[in-house]
Every structure is written in structure tokens, then in C-alpha cells.
């Protein structure tokens, strides 16, 4: 995976996240999604996608001799930041 591209994605997503948290607060991001079925669908889709990513991350970390737990915890707390940083800090 191209680490420069990962870095750009991480910085752009980080900027968007900072702006959203400053405007709505950490809890506010989720409260907005809980106001409609469309928002709940987005949260469910995100949960399914991140769950699949965590399965991949666990297996990949085990195969490459890395500790998966810091990345799992980060993913559960901060979403896509966990997998992005996992890929960015890998040896590949």
C-alpha cells in the first residue's frame, strides 16, 4: 500500500474529524446519527465494515508478528484511525 497516499487520507480524515468534534463534540457526532433511520443505517454499516476490518487486522497482525490489541482498541475508540495507522506503521 502506498504510504504517501495513506498519509494524505489520514491527514484529510483527521482534519475533518477535528472540525466535526469541535463543532458537535465527540458524543454529538453519534447523536446526530441516532436521529433517523438513515443515520442508524450509516452507523450499522460503519460497525459492520469496521468489524470486518478488525477481523482482517487481527489476522494480519498475527501473521506479521505484531500486537493487534493497540490497533483494536484505537479502532473501537476512534474508528478508521486505527486501521489507517496500522497500515501506515507496518513494514510493507
N, C-alpha and C. Protein backbone atom coordinates (compact mmCIF):
# COMPACT_ATOMS: atom_id res chain seq x y z
N UNK A 1 0.85 -1.17 0.00
CA UNK A 1 0.00 0.00 0.00
C UNK A 1 0.90 1.24 0.00
N UNK A 2 0.51 2.22 -0.75
CA UNK A 2 1.27 3.46 -0.86
C UNK A 2 1.14 4.27 0.44
N UNK A 3 2.24 4.39 1.17
CA UNK A 3 2.20 5.08 2.46
C UNK A 3 1.95 6.58 2.32
N UNK A 4 2.39 7.18 1.21
CA UNK A 4 2.12 8.60 0.98
C UNK A 4 0.62 8.83 0.85
N UNK A 5 -0.05 7.96 0.10
CA UNK A 5 -1.50 8.07 -0.05
C UNK A 5 -2.20 7.86 1.29
N UNK A 6 -1.75 6.88 2.05
CA UNK A 6 -2.31 6.65 3.38
C UNK A 6 -2.14 7.87 4.26
N UNK A 7 -0.97 8.51 4.18
CA UNK A 7 -0.73 9.71 4.97
C UNK A 7 -1.66 10.84 4.59
N UNK A 8 -1.90 11.02 3.29
CA UNK A 8 -2.82 12.06 2.83
C UNK A 8 -4.24 11.78 3.32
N UNK A 9 -4.67 10.52 3.20
CA UNK A 9 -6.01 10.14 3.67
C UNK A 9 -6.12 10.37 5.17
N UNK A 10 -5.10 9.98 5.92
CA UNK A 10 -5.12 10.15 7.37
C UNK A 10 -5.19 11.63 7.75
N UNK A 11 -4.41 12.47 7.09
CA UNK A 11 -4.43 13.90 7.39
C UNK A 11 -5.77 14.54 7.03
N UNK A 12 -6.31 14.20 5.87
CA UNK A 12 -7.60 14.76 5.45
C UNK A 12 -8.72 14.30 6.39
N UNK A 13 -8.74 13.02 6.70
CA UNK A 13 -9.75 12.49 7.61
C UNK A 13 -9.58 13.07 9.01
N UNK A 14 -8.34 13.22 9.43
CA UNK A 14 -8.08 13.83 10.73
C UNK A 14 -8.58 15.26 10.80
N UNK A 15 -8.36 16.03 9.74
CA UNK A 15 -8.86 17.40 9.70
C UNK A 15 -10.37 17.45 9.75
N UNK A 16 -11.02 16.59 8.99
CA UNK A 16 -12.48 16.53 9.01
C UNK A 16 -12.99 16.14 10.39
N UNK A 17 -12.33 15.19 11.01
CA UNK A 17 -12.74 14.73 12.34
C UNK A 17 -12.58 15.84 13.38
N UNK A 18 -11.46 16.54 13.34
CA UNK A 18 -11.24 17.65 14.28
C UNK A 18 -12.32 18.71 14.11
N UNK A 19 -12.63 19.06 12.87
CA UNK A 19 -13.67 20.07 12.62
C UNK A 19 -15.03 19.60 13.14
N UNK A 20 -15.36 18.32 12.90
CA UNK A 20 -16.64 17.78 13.36
C UNK A 20 -16.73 17.74 14.88
N UNK A 21 -15.64 17.33 15.53
CA UNK A 21 -15.64 17.26 17.00
C UNK A 21 -15.70 18.66 17.60
N UNK A 22 -15.00 19.61 17.00
CA UNK A 22 -15.07 20.99 17.51
C UNK A 22 -16.47 21.57 17.37
N UNK A 23 -17.14 21.23 16.28
CA UNK A 23 -18.48 21.77 16.05
C UNK A 23 -19.56 21.05 16.85
N UNK A 24 -19.45 19.71 16.98
CA UNK A 24 -20.53 18.93 17.58
C UNK A 24 -20.14 18.19 18.85
N UNK A 25 -18.85 18.06 19.16
CA UNK A 25 -18.40 17.27 20.29
C UNK A 25 -18.33 15.80 19.91
N UNK A 26 -17.56 15.02 20.66
CA UNK A 26 -17.38 13.59 20.35
C UNK A 26 -18.72 12.86 20.39
N UNK A 27 -19.49 13.09 21.44
CA UNK A 27 -20.79 12.42 21.58
C UNK A 27 -21.76 12.95 20.54
N UNK A 28 -21.65 14.23 20.20
CA UNK A 28 -22.55 14.84 19.23
C UNK A 28 -22.50 14.20 17.86
N UNK A 29 -21.34 13.68 17.49
CA UNK A 29 -21.22 13.00 16.20
C UNK A 29 -22.17 11.80 16.15
N UNK A 30 -22.25 11.07 17.24
CA UNK A 30 -23.12 9.90 17.29
C UNK A 30 -24.59 10.29 17.48
N UNK A 31 -24.84 11.33 18.27
CA UNK A 31 -26.21 11.77 18.49
C UNK A 31 -26.89 12.15 17.19
N UNK A 32 -26.16 12.80 16.31
CA UNK A 32 -26.71 13.18 15.01
C UNK A 32 -27.15 11.96 14.23
N UNK A 33 -26.36 10.89 14.27
CA UNK A 33 -26.69 9.68 13.52
C UNK A 33 -27.87 8.93 14.13
N UNK A 34 -28.15 9.15 15.39
CA UNK A 34 -29.23 8.44 16.07
C UNK A 34 -30.59 9.10 15.87
N UNK A 35 -30.66 10.18 15.11
CA UNK A 35 -31.91 10.93 14.95
C UNK A 35 -32.83 10.40 13.86
N UNK A 36 -32.35 9.48 13.02
CA UNK A 36 -33.19 8.97 11.95
C UNK A 36 -32.76 7.55 11.57
N UNK A 37 -33.63 6.87 10.84
CA UNK A 37 -33.28 5.54 10.37
C UNK A 37 -32.12 5.61 9.38
N UNK A 38 -32.03 6.67 8.61
CA UNK A 38 -30.91 6.83 7.68
C UNK A 38 -29.60 6.92 8.46
N UNK A 39 -29.59 7.67 9.54
CA UNK A 39 -28.39 7.77 10.37
C UNK A 39 -28.04 6.46 11.03
N UNK A 40 -29.06 5.73 11.50
CA UNK A 40 -28.81 4.42 12.09
C UNK A 40 -28.24 3.45 11.06
N UNK A 41 -28.72 3.55 9.81
CA UNK A 41 -28.20 2.69 8.76
C UNK A 41 -26.72 2.97 8.53
N UNK A 42 -26.34 4.25 8.54
CA UNK A 42 -24.93 4.62 8.36
C UNK A 42 -24.09 4.06 9.51
N UNK A 43 -24.57 4.19 10.74
CA UNK A 43 -23.84 3.65 11.89
C UNK A 43 -23.72 2.12 11.81
N UNK A 44 -24.81 1.46 11.41
CA UNK A 44 -24.76 0.00 11.29
C UNK A 44 -23.76 -0.41 10.20
N UNK A 45 -23.77 0.29 9.09
CA UNK A 45 -22.83 0.00 8.00
C UNK A 45 -21.39 0.21 8.46
N UNK A 46 -21.15 1.30 9.18
CA UNK A 46 -19.81 1.57 9.71
C UNK A 46 -19.39 0.47 10.69
N UNK A 47 -20.31 0.04 11.54
CA UNK A 47 -20.00 -1.02 12.50
C UNK A 47 -19.66 -2.33 11.81
N UNK A 48 -20.42 -2.68 10.78
CA UNK A 48 -20.15 -3.91 10.03
C UNK A 48 -18.80 -3.81 9.33
N UNK A 49 -18.54 -2.68 8.66
CA UNK A 49 -17.29 -2.51 7.93
C UNK A 49 -16.09 -2.56 8.87
N UNK A 50 -16.17 -1.85 9.99
CA UNK A 50 -15.05 -1.86 10.93
C UNK A 50 -14.88 -3.22 11.59
N UNK A 51 -15.98 -3.94 11.78
CA UNK A 51 -15.88 -5.30 12.31
C UNK A 51 -15.11 -6.20 11.35
N UNK A 52 -15.40 -6.09 10.07
CA UNK A 52 -14.67 -6.87 9.07
C UNK A 52 -13.20 -6.46 9.03
N UNK A 53 -12.94 -5.17 9.13
CA UNK A 53 -11.55 -4.68 9.14
C UNK A 53 -10.82 -5.21 10.37
N UNK A 54 -11.49 -5.26 11.51
CA UNK A 54 -10.84 -5.77 12.72
C UNK A 54 -10.48 -7.25 12.60
N UNK A 55 -11.33 -8.03 11.93
CA UNK A 55 -11.00 -9.44 11.70
C UNK A 55 -9.75 -9.52 10.84
N UNK A 56 -9.70 -8.74 9.76
CA UNK A 56 -8.51 -8.73 8.91
C UNK A 56 -7.28 -8.27 9.70
N UNK A 57 -7.44 -7.18 10.46
CA UNK A 57 -6.32 -6.62 11.21
C UNK A 57 -5.77 -7.65 12.20
N UNK A 58 -6.64 -8.34 12.90
CA UNK A 58 -6.23 -9.37 13.87
C UNK A 58 -5.39 -10.44 13.19
N UNK A 59 -5.90 -10.93 12.06
CA UNK A 59 -5.18 -11.99 11.34
C UNK A 59 -3.86 -11.49 10.77
N UNK A 60 -3.88 -10.29 10.19
CA UNK A 60 -2.66 -9.74 9.61
C UNK A 60 -1.61 -9.49 10.68
N UNK A 61 -2.02 -8.96 11.82
CA UNK A 61 -1.07 -8.71 12.91
C UNK A 61 -0.46 -10.01 13.40
N UNK A 62 -1.27 -11.04 13.53
CA UNK A 62 -0.78 -12.33 13.97
C UNK A 62 0.24 -12.91 12.98
N UNK A 63 -0.05 -12.80 11.69
CA UNK A 63 0.86 -13.32 10.67
C UNK A 63 2.17 -12.54 10.59
N UNK A 64 2.10 -11.24 10.89
CA UNK A 64 3.31 -10.41 10.78
C UNK A 64 4.02 -10.23 12.12
N UNK A 65 3.53 -10.86 13.19
CA UNK A 65 4.19 -10.78 14.48
C UNK A 65 3.95 -9.47 15.22
N UNK A 66 2.90 -8.77 14.87
CA UNK A 66 2.58 -7.51 15.54
C UNK A 66 1.51 -7.74 16.60
N UNK A 67 1.47 -6.87 17.59
CA UNK A 67 0.44 -6.91 18.62
C UNK A 67 -0.80 -6.18 18.09
N UNK A 68 -1.90 -6.89 17.96
CA UNK A 68 -3.12 -6.30 17.39
C UNK A 68 -3.89 -5.43 18.38
N UNK A 69 -3.70 -5.67 19.68
CA UNK A 69 -4.56 -5.01 20.67
C UNK A 69 -4.54 -3.48 20.65
N UNK A 70 -3.39 -2.83 20.52
CA UNK A 70 -3.45 -1.35 20.47
C UNK A 70 -4.30 -0.85 19.30
N UNK A 71 -4.23 -1.54 18.18
CA UNK A 71 -4.97 -1.12 16.99
C UNK A 71 -6.46 -1.43 17.13
N UNK A 72 -6.77 -2.52 17.79
CA UNK A 72 -8.17 -2.86 18.04
C UNK A 72 -8.80 -1.83 18.96
N UNK A 73 -8.11 -1.51 20.05
CA UNK A 73 -8.63 -0.51 21.00
C UNK A 73 -8.79 0.85 20.31
N UNK A 74 -7.79 1.24 19.53
CA UNK A 74 -7.87 2.52 18.82
C UNK A 74 -9.04 2.53 17.83
N UNK A 75 -9.25 1.42 17.15
CA UNK A 75 -10.36 1.34 16.20
C UNK A 75 -11.70 1.44 16.92
N UNK A 76 -11.83 0.77 18.05
CA UNK A 76 -13.08 0.84 18.80
C UNK A 76 -13.34 2.24 19.36
N UNK A 77 -12.27 2.97 19.69
CA UNK A 77 -12.41 4.31 20.26
C UNK A 77 -12.49 5.40 19.19
N UNK A 78 -11.79 5.20 18.07
CA UNK A 78 -11.66 6.30 17.10
C UNK A 78 -11.91 5.87 15.66
N UNK A 79 -12.55 4.74 15.47
CA UNK A 79 -12.93 4.33 14.12
C UNK A 79 -11.76 4.07 13.20
N UNK A 80 -11.83 4.62 12.02
CA UNK A 80 -10.87 4.34 10.95
C UNK A 80 -9.44 4.76 11.25
N UNK A 81 -9.24 5.57 12.28
CA UNK A 81 -7.87 5.94 12.63
C UNK A 81 -7.02 4.72 12.98
N UNK A 82 -7.63 3.72 13.62
CA UNK A 82 -6.89 2.52 13.99
C UNK A 82 -6.33 1.78 12.79
N UNK A 83 -7.19 1.37 11.84
CA UNK A 83 -6.66 0.67 10.66
C UNK A 83 -5.72 1.53 9.81
N UNK A 84 -6.02 2.82 9.68
CA UNK A 84 -5.14 3.69 8.89
C UNK A 84 -3.74 3.74 9.50
N UNK A 85 -3.68 3.92 10.81
CA UNK A 85 -2.37 3.98 11.47
C UNK A 85 -1.68 2.62 11.47
N UNK A 86 -2.45 1.55 11.58
CA UNK A 86 -1.88 0.21 11.50
C UNK A 86 -1.18 0.02 10.15
N UNK A 87 -1.86 0.38 9.09
CA UNK A 87 -1.26 0.25 7.75
C UNK A 87 -0.08 1.19 7.57
N UNK A 88 -0.17 2.39 8.11
CA UNK A 88 0.89 3.39 7.94
C UNK A 88 2.14 2.98 8.70
N UNK A 89 2.01 2.28 9.81
CA UNK A 89 3.17 1.92 10.63
C UNK A 89 3.70 0.52 10.32
N UNK A 90 3.09 -0.17 9.38
CA UNK A 90 3.55 -1.51 9.02
C UNK A 90 4.85 -1.46 8.23
N UNK A 91 5.51 -2.60 8.12
CA UNK A 91 6.79 -2.68 7.43
C UNK A 91 6.64 -2.75 5.92
N UNK A 92 5.47 -3.08 5.44
CA UNK A 92 5.25 -3.25 4.00
C UNK A 92 5.25 -1.92 3.28
